[in-house]
Protein backbone atom coordinates (compact mmCIF):
# COMPACT_ATOMS: atom_id res chain seq x y z
CA UNK A 1 0.00 0.00 0.00
CA UNK A 2 1.35 3.40 -0.97
CA UNK A 3 1.37 6.06 1.70
CA UNK A 4 0.22 9.40 0.27
CA UNK A 5 1.41 12.75 1.49
CA UNK A 6 -1.69 14.30 3.07
CA UNK A 7 0.01 17.68 3.37
CA UNK A 8 1.11 17.99 -0.24
CA UNK A 9 0.36 20.78 -2.66
CA UNK A 10 -1.94 20.21 -5.60
CA UNK A 11 -1.55 21.33 -9.19
CA UNK A 12 -4.73 20.94 -11.22
CA UNK A 13 -4.22 21.16 -14.97
CA UNK A 14 -7.42 21.90 -16.86
CA UNK A 15 -7.05 21.04 -20.55
CA UNK A 16 -10.43 19.81 -21.79
CA UNK A 17 -12.81 21.53 -24.19
CA UNK A 18 -15.64 20.09 -22.10
CA UNK A 19 -17.20 22.86 -19.99
CA UNK A 20 -18.33 20.42 -17.31
CA UNK A 21 -14.74 19.24 -16.81
CA UNK A 22 -13.53 22.84 -16.63
CA UNK A 23 -16.19 23.68 -14.05
CA UNK A 24 -15.24 20.56 -12.11
CA UNK A 25 -11.55 21.51 -12.05
CA UNK A 26 -12.37 24.87 -10.43
CA UNK A 27 -14.85 23.26 -8.03
CA UNK A 28 -12.20 20.73 -7.02
CA UNK A 29 -9.65 23.53 -6.55
CA UNK A 30 -11.95 25.59 -4.33
CA UNK A 31 -12.95 22.50 -2.32
CA UNK A 32 -9.32 21.52 -1.71
CA UNK A 33 -8.45 25.09 -0.74
CA UNK A 34 -11.45 25.21 1.63
CA UNK A 35 -9.91 22.31 3.58
CA UNK A 36 -6.58 24.16 3.82
CA UNK A 37 -4.71 22.51 0.95
CA UNK A 38 -2.36 24.52 -1.23
CA UNK A 39 -3.85 24.55 -4.71
CA UNK A 40 -2.73 25.93 -8.05
CA UNK A 41 -4.80 25.72 -11.23
CA UNK A 42 -3.16 25.80 -14.66
CA UNK A 43 -5.62 26.42 -17.49
CA UNK A 44 -4.27 25.21 -20.80
CA UNK A 45 -5.38 23.94 -24.17
CA UNK A 46 -9.03 24.27 -25.06
CA UNK A 47 -9.95 25.08 -21.46
CA UNK A 48 -8.60 28.56 -22.18
CA UNK A 49 -11.83 29.21 -24.10
CA UNK A 50 -13.66 29.18 -20.76
CA UNK A 51 -11.64 32.09 -19.35
CA UNK A 52 -12.90 34.29 -22.17
CA UNK A 53 -15.46 36.93 -21.32
CA UNK A 54 -17.69 35.30 -23.97
CA UNK A 55 -17.11 31.72 -22.79
CA UNK A 56 -20.70 30.57 -23.36
CA UNK A 57 -19.96 30.37 -27.10
CA UNK A 58 -17.68 27.41 -26.27
CA UNK A 59 -20.05 25.48 -24.02
CA UNK A 60 -21.33 23.42 -26.94
CA UNK A 61 -23.55 21.22 -24.79
CA UNK A 62 -25.01 24.13 -22.77
CA UNK A 63 -23.87 22.54 -19.54
CA UNK A 64 -24.09 25.92 -17.81
CA UNK A 65 -27.86 25.85 -18.27
CA UNK A 66 -28.12 22.40 -16.68
CA UNK A 67 -25.99 23.58 -13.75
CA UNK A 68 -28.40 26.50 -13.29
CA UNK A 69 -31.44 24.21 -13.39
CA UNK A 70 -29.83 21.95 -10.78
CA UNK A 71 -28.98 24.97 -8.57
CA UNK A 72 -25.28 24.21 -8.84
CA UNK A 73 -22.72 27.01 -8.73
CA UNK A 74 -22.39 29.01 -11.92
CA UNK A 75 -18.97 29.57 -13.40
CA UNK A 76 -19.07 33.12 -12.04
CA UNK A 77 -19.74 31.76 -8.56
CA UNK A 78 -16.97 29.17 -8.86
CA UNK A 79 -14.55 31.89 -10.01
CA UNK A 80 -15.66 33.91 -6.98
CA UNK A 81 -15.04 30.98 -4.61
CA UNK A 82 -11.54 30.52 -6.03
CA UNK A 83 -10.84 34.24 -5.75
CA UNK A 84 -12.12 34.47 -2.17
CA UNK A 85 -10.15 31.39 -1.15
CA UNK A 86 -7.03 32.72 -2.90
CA UNK A 87 -6.58 29.76 -5.21
CA UNK A 88 -3.62 30.51 -7.48
CA UNK A 89 -4.79 30.44 -11.11
CA UNK A 90 -2.59 30.62 -14.19
CA UNK A 91 -3.14 30.21 -17.91
CA UNK A 92 -0.92 29.00 -20.71
CA UNK A 93 0.10 31.89 -22.95
CA UNK A 94 1.00 29.47 -25.74
CA UNK A 95 -2.54 28.05 -25.68
CA UNK A 96 -3.99 31.57 -25.87
CA UNK A 97 -1.83 32.26 -28.91
CA UNK A 98 -2.89 28.95 -30.50
CA UNK A 99 -6.59 29.72 -29.93
CA UNK A 100 -6.23 33.36 -31.03
CA UNK A 101 -7.35 34.71 -27.66
CA UNK A 102 -6.06 38.15 -26.74
CA UNK A 103 -5.44 39.29 -23.18
CA UNK A 104 -8.32 41.78 -23.44
CA UNK A 105 -10.70 38.84 -24.02
CA UNK A 106 -9.87 37.21 -20.67
CA UNK A 107 -12.35 37.41 -17.80
CA UNK A 108 -11.68 39.79 -14.95
CA UNK A 109 -13.74 37.68 -12.51
CA UNK A 110 -10.58 36.10 -11.15
CA UNK A 111 -6.94 37.07 -10.81
CA UNK A 112 -5.27 34.99 -13.49
CA UNK A 113 -1.72 35.24 -14.80
CA UNK A 114 0.23 33.74 -17.69
CA UNK A 115 2.93 31.13 -17.10
CA UNK A 116 4.69 28.51 -19.18
CA UNK A 117 4.09 24.78 -18.83
CA UNK A 118 7.71 24.28 -17.81
CA UNK A 119 7.52 26.95 -15.11
CA UNK A 120 4.27 25.71 -13.60
CA UNK A 121 5.46 22.11 -13.50
CA UNK A 122 8.85 23.09 -12.13
CA UNK A 123 7.34 25.17 -9.33
CA UNK A 124 4.96 22.35 -8.35
CA UNK A 125 7.20 19.31 -8.85
CA UNK A 126 6.96 18.17 -5.21
CA UNK A 127 3.16 18.17 -5.11
CA UNK A 128 0.33 16.11 -6.49
CA UNK A 129 -0.72 16.56 -10.13
CA UNK A 130 -4.34 16.27 -11.22
CA UNK A 131 -4.97 16.41 -14.97
CA UNK A 132 -8.54 17.14 -16.10
C-alpha atoms as a PDB file:
ATOM      1  CA  UNK A   1       0.000   0.000   0.000  1.00  0.00           C
ATOM      2  CA  UNK A   2       1.353   3.396  -0.973  1.00  0.00           C
ATOM      3  CA  UNK A   3       1.367   6.062   1.696  1.00  0.00           C
ATOM      4  CA  UNK A   4       0.221   9.397   0.273  1.00  0.00           C
ATOM      5  CA  UNK A   5       1.406  12.748   1.493  1.00  0.00           C
ATOM      6  CA  UNK A   6      -1.690  14.295   3.069  1.00  0.00           C
ATOM      7  CA  UNK A   7       0.015  17.681   3.373  1.00  0.00           C
ATOM      8  CA  UNK A   8       1.110  17.991  -0.237  1.00  0.00           C
ATOM      9  CA  UNK A   9       0.361  20.784  -2.655  1.00  0.00           C
ATOM     10  CA  UNK A  10      -1.943  20.206  -5.600  1.00  0.00           C
ATOM     11  CA  UNK A  11      -1.550  21.332  -9.189  1.00  0.00           C
ATOM     12  CA  UNK A  12      -4.731  20.943 -11.221  1.00  0.00           C
ATOM     13  CA  UNK A  13      -4.218  21.156 -14.971  1.00  0.00           C
ATOM     14  CA  UNK A  14      -7.419  21.905 -16.863  1.00  0.00           C
ATOM     15  CA  UNK A  15      -7.049  21.043 -20.553  1.00  0.00           C
ATOM     16  CA  UNK A  16     -10.426  19.807 -21.791  1.00  0.00           C
ATOM     17  CA  UNK A  17     -12.808  21.534 -24.194  1.00  0.00           C
ATOM     18  CA  UNK A  18     -15.635  20.094 -22.099  1.00  0.00           C
ATOM     19  CA  UNK A  19     -17.201  22.865 -19.990  1.00  0.00           C
ATOM     20  CA  UNK A  20     -18.335  20.421 -17.306  1.00  0.00           C
ATOM     21  CA  UNK A  21     -14.741  19.236 -16.807  1.00  0.00           C
ATOM     22  CA  UNK A  22     -13.526  22.845 -16.629  1.00  0.00           C
ATOM     23  CA  UNK A  23     -16.194  23.679 -14.054  1.00  0.00           C
ATOM     24  CA  UNK A  24     -15.235  20.561 -12.106  1.00  0.00           C
ATOM     25  CA  UNK A  25     -11.550  21.515 -12.050  1.00  0.00           C
ATOM     26  CA  UNK A  26     -12.370  24.866 -10.427  1.00  0.00           C
ATOM     27  CA  UNK A  27     -14.855  23.256  -8.033  1.00  0.00           C
ATOM     28  CA  UNK A  28     -12.203  20.733  -7.022  1.00  0.00           C
ATOM     29  CA  UNK A  29      -9.652  23.527  -6.549  1.00  0.00           C
ATOM     30  CA  UNK A  30     -11.953  25.592  -4.334  1.00  0.00           C
ATOM     31  CA  UNK A  31     -12.948  22.504  -2.320  1.00  0.00           C
ATOM     32  CA  UNK A  32      -9.319  21.525  -1.710  1.00  0.00           C
ATOM     33  CA  UNK A  33      -8.451  25.090  -0.739  1.00  0.00           C
ATOM     34  CA  UNK A  34     -11.449  25.209   1.630  1.00  0.00           C
ATOM     35  CA  UNK A  35      -9.908  22.312   3.577  1.00  0.00           C
ATOM     36  CA  UNK A  36      -6.582  24.163   3.817  1.00  0.00           C
ATOM     37  CA  UNK A  37      -4.711  22.509   0.953  1.00  0.00           C
ATOM     38  CA  UNK A  38      -2.362  24.515  -1.231  1.00  0.00           C
ATOM     39  CA  UNK A  39      -3.854  24.553  -4.714  1.00  0.00           C
ATOM     40  CA  UNK A  40      -2.733  25.925  -8.048  1.00  0.00           C
ATOM     41  CA  UNK A  41      -4.796  25.715 -11.235  1.00  0.00           C
ATOM     42  CA  UNK A  42      -3.155  25.799 -14.662  1.00  0.00           C
ATOM     43  CA  UNK A  43      -5.616  26.424 -17.488  1.00  0.00           C
ATOM     44  CA  UNK A  44      -4.271  25.207 -20.798  1.00  0.00           C
ATOM     45  CA  UNK A  45      -5.382  23.940 -24.175  1.00  0.00           C
ATOM     46  CA  UNK A  46      -9.028  24.273 -25.063  1.00  0.00           C
ATOM     47  CA  UNK A  47      -9.949  25.082 -21.464  1.00  0.00           C
ATOM     48  CA  UNK A  48      -8.600  28.562 -22.183  1.00  0.00           C
ATOM     49  CA  UNK A  49     -11.831  29.209 -24.098  1.00  0.00           C
ATOM     50  CA  UNK A  50     -13.656  29.180 -20.757  1.00  0.00           C
ATOM     51  CA  UNK A  51     -11.642  32.087 -19.349  1.00  0.00           C
ATOM     52  CA  UNK A  52     -12.901  34.286 -22.170  1.00  0.00           C
ATOM     53  CA  UNK A  53     -15.464  36.930 -21.318  1.00  0.00           C
ATOM     54  CA  UNK A  54     -17.687  35.300 -23.971  1.00  0.00           C
ATOM     55  CA  UNK A  55     -17.110  31.717 -22.794  1.00  0.00           C
ATOM     56  CA  UNK A  56     -20.704  30.567 -23.356  1.00  0.00           C
ATOM     57  CA  UNK A  57     -19.957  30.373 -27.095  1.00  0.00           C
ATOM     58  CA  UNK A  58     -17.675  27.415 -26.273  1.00  0.00           C
ATOM     59  CA  UNK A  59     -20.048  25.482 -24.020  1.00  0.00           C
ATOM     60  CA  UNK A  60     -21.328  23.425 -26.943  1.00  0.00           C
ATOM     61  CA  UNK A  61     -23.546  21.219 -24.786  1.00  0.00           C
ATOM     62  CA  UNK A  62     -25.013  24.134 -22.767  1.00  0.00           C
ATOM     63  CA  UNK A  63     -23.868  22.535 -19.536  1.00  0.00           C
ATOM     64  CA  UNK A  64     -24.092  25.925 -17.807  1.00  0.00           C
ATOM     65  CA  UNK A  65     -27.860  25.846 -18.265  1.00  0.00           C
ATOM     66  CA  UNK A  66     -28.117  22.402 -16.682  1.00  0.00           C
ATOM     67  CA  UNK A  67     -25.987  23.584 -13.752  1.00  0.00           C
ATOM     68  CA  UNK A  68     -28.401  26.501 -13.291  1.00  0.00           C
ATOM     69  CA  UNK A  69     -31.445  24.208 -13.387  1.00  0.00           C
ATOM     70  CA  UNK A  70     -29.829  21.946 -10.776  1.00  0.00           C
ATOM     71  CA  UNK A  71     -28.975  24.970  -8.568  1.00  0.00           C
ATOM     72  CA  UNK A  72     -25.277  24.206  -8.836  1.00  0.00           C
ATOM     73  CA  UNK A  73     -22.716  27.006  -8.731  1.00  0.00           C
ATOM     74  CA  UNK A  74     -22.394  29.006 -11.921  1.00  0.00           C
ATOM     75  CA  UNK A  75     -18.966  29.568 -13.399  1.00  0.00           C
ATOM     76  CA  UNK A  76     -19.070  33.122 -12.043  1.00  0.00           C
ATOM     77  CA  UNK A  77     -19.738  31.758  -8.555  1.00  0.00           C
ATOM     78  CA  UNK A  78     -16.973  29.173  -8.864  1.00  0.00           C
ATOM     79  CA  UNK A  79     -14.550  31.888 -10.007  1.00  0.00           C
ATOM     80  CA  UNK A  80     -15.659  33.912  -6.983  1.00  0.00           C
ATOM     81  CA  UNK A  81     -15.040  30.982  -4.610  1.00  0.00           C
ATOM     82  CA  UNK A  82     -11.544  30.523  -6.034  1.00  0.00           C
ATOM     83  CA  UNK A  83     -10.844  34.237  -5.751  1.00  0.00           C
ATOM     84  CA  UNK A  84     -12.122  34.474  -2.169  1.00  0.00           C
ATOM     85  CA  UNK A  85     -10.150  31.390  -1.147  1.00  0.00           C
ATOM     86  CA  UNK A  86      -7.028  32.725  -2.899  1.00  0.00           C
ATOM     87  CA  UNK A  87      -6.582  29.761  -5.215  1.00  0.00           C
ATOM     88  CA  UNK A  88      -3.619  30.507  -7.481  1.00  0.00           C
ATOM     89  CA  UNK A  89      -4.789  30.440 -11.111  1.00  0.00           C
ATOM     90  CA  UNK A  90      -2.586  30.620 -14.191  1.00  0.00           C
ATOM     91  CA  UNK A  91      -3.138  30.213 -17.914  1.00  0.00           C
ATOM     92  CA  UNK A  92      -0.919  28.998 -20.707  1.00  0.00           C
ATOM     93  CA  UNK A  93       0.100  31.893 -22.954  1.00  0.00           C
ATOM     94  CA  UNK A  94       1.001  29.465 -25.740  1.00  0.00           C
ATOM     95  CA  UNK A  95      -2.539  28.049 -25.681  1.00  0.00           C
ATOM     96  CA  UNK A  96      -3.988  31.574 -25.871  1.00  0.00           C
ATOM     97  CA  UNK A  97      -1.831  32.263 -28.911  1.00  0.00           C
ATOM     98  CA  UNK A  98      -2.885  28.946 -30.496  1.00  0.00           C
ATOM     99  CA  UNK A  99      -6.590  29.721 -29.930  1.00  0.00           C
ATOM    100  CA  UNK A 100      -6.228  33.363 -31.030  1.00  0.00           C
ATOM    101  CA  UNK A 101      -7.350  34.713 -27.664  1.00  0.00           C
ATOM    102  CA  UNK A 102      -6.059  38.152 -26.744  1.00  0.00           C
ATOM    103  CA  UNK A 103      -5.436  39.289 -23.179  1.00  0.00           C
ATOM    104  CA  UNK A 104      -8.316  41.778 -23.441  1.00  0.00           C
ATOM    105  CA  UNK A 105     -10.703  38.840 -24.021  1.00  0.00           C
ATOM    106  CA  UNK A 106      -9.871  37.207 -20.665  1.00  0.00           C
ATOM    107  CA  UNK A 107     -12.349  37.412 -17.802  1.00  0.00           C
ATOM    108  CA  UNK A 108     -11.684  39.787 -14.947  1.00  0.00           C
ATOM    109  CA  UNK A 109     -13.739  37.679 -12.512  1.00  0.00           C
ATOM    110  CA  UNK A 110     -10.578  36.101 -11.146  1.00  0.00           C
ATOM    111  CA  UNK A 111      -6.940  37.074 -10.809  1.00  0.00           C
ATOM    112  CA  UNK A 112      -5.267  34.995 -13.494  1.00  0.00           C
ATOM    113  CA  UNK A 113      -1.725  35.244 -14.804  1.00  0.00           C
ATOM    114  CA  UNK A 114       0.234  33.736 -17.686  1.00  0.00           C
ATOM    115  CA  UNK A 115       2.931  31.131 -17.098  1.00  0.00           C
ATOM    116  CA  UNK A 116       4.693  28.514 -19.181  1.00  0.00           C
ATOM    117  CA  UNK A 117       4.087  24.780 -18.830  1.00  0.00           C
ATOM    118  CA  UNK A 118       7.712  24.282 -17.809  1.00  0.00           C
ATOM    119  CA  UNK A 119       7.523  26.952 -15.110  1.00  0.00           C
ATOM    120  CA  UNK A 120       4.265  25.707 -13.598  1.00  0.00           C
ATOM    121  CA  UNK A 121       5.464  22.108 -13.496  1.00  0.00           C
ATOM    122  CA  UNK A 122       8.855  23.093 -12.126  1.00  0.00           C
ATOM    123  CA  UNK A 123       7.338  25.175  -9.327  1.00  0.00           C
ATOM    124  CA  UNK A 124       4.955  22.349  -8.353  1.00  0.00           C
ATOM    125  CA  UNK A 125       7.199  19.311  -8.846  1.00  0.00           C
ATOM    126  CA  UNK A 126       6.961  18.170  -5.208  1.00  0.00           C
ATOM    127  CA  UNK A 127       3.156  18.169  -5.107  1.00  0.00           C
ATOM    128  CA  UNK A 128       0.328  16.111  -6.486  1.00  0.00           C
ATOM    129  CA  UNK A 129      -0.720  16.561 -10.131  1.00  0.00           C
ATOM    130  CA  UNK A 130      -4.344  16.271 -11.217  1.00  0.00           C
ATOM    131  CA  UNK A 131      -4.973  16.408 -14.973  1.00  0.00           C
ATOM    132  CA  UNK A 132      -8.535  17.137 -16.101  1.00  0.00           C
END
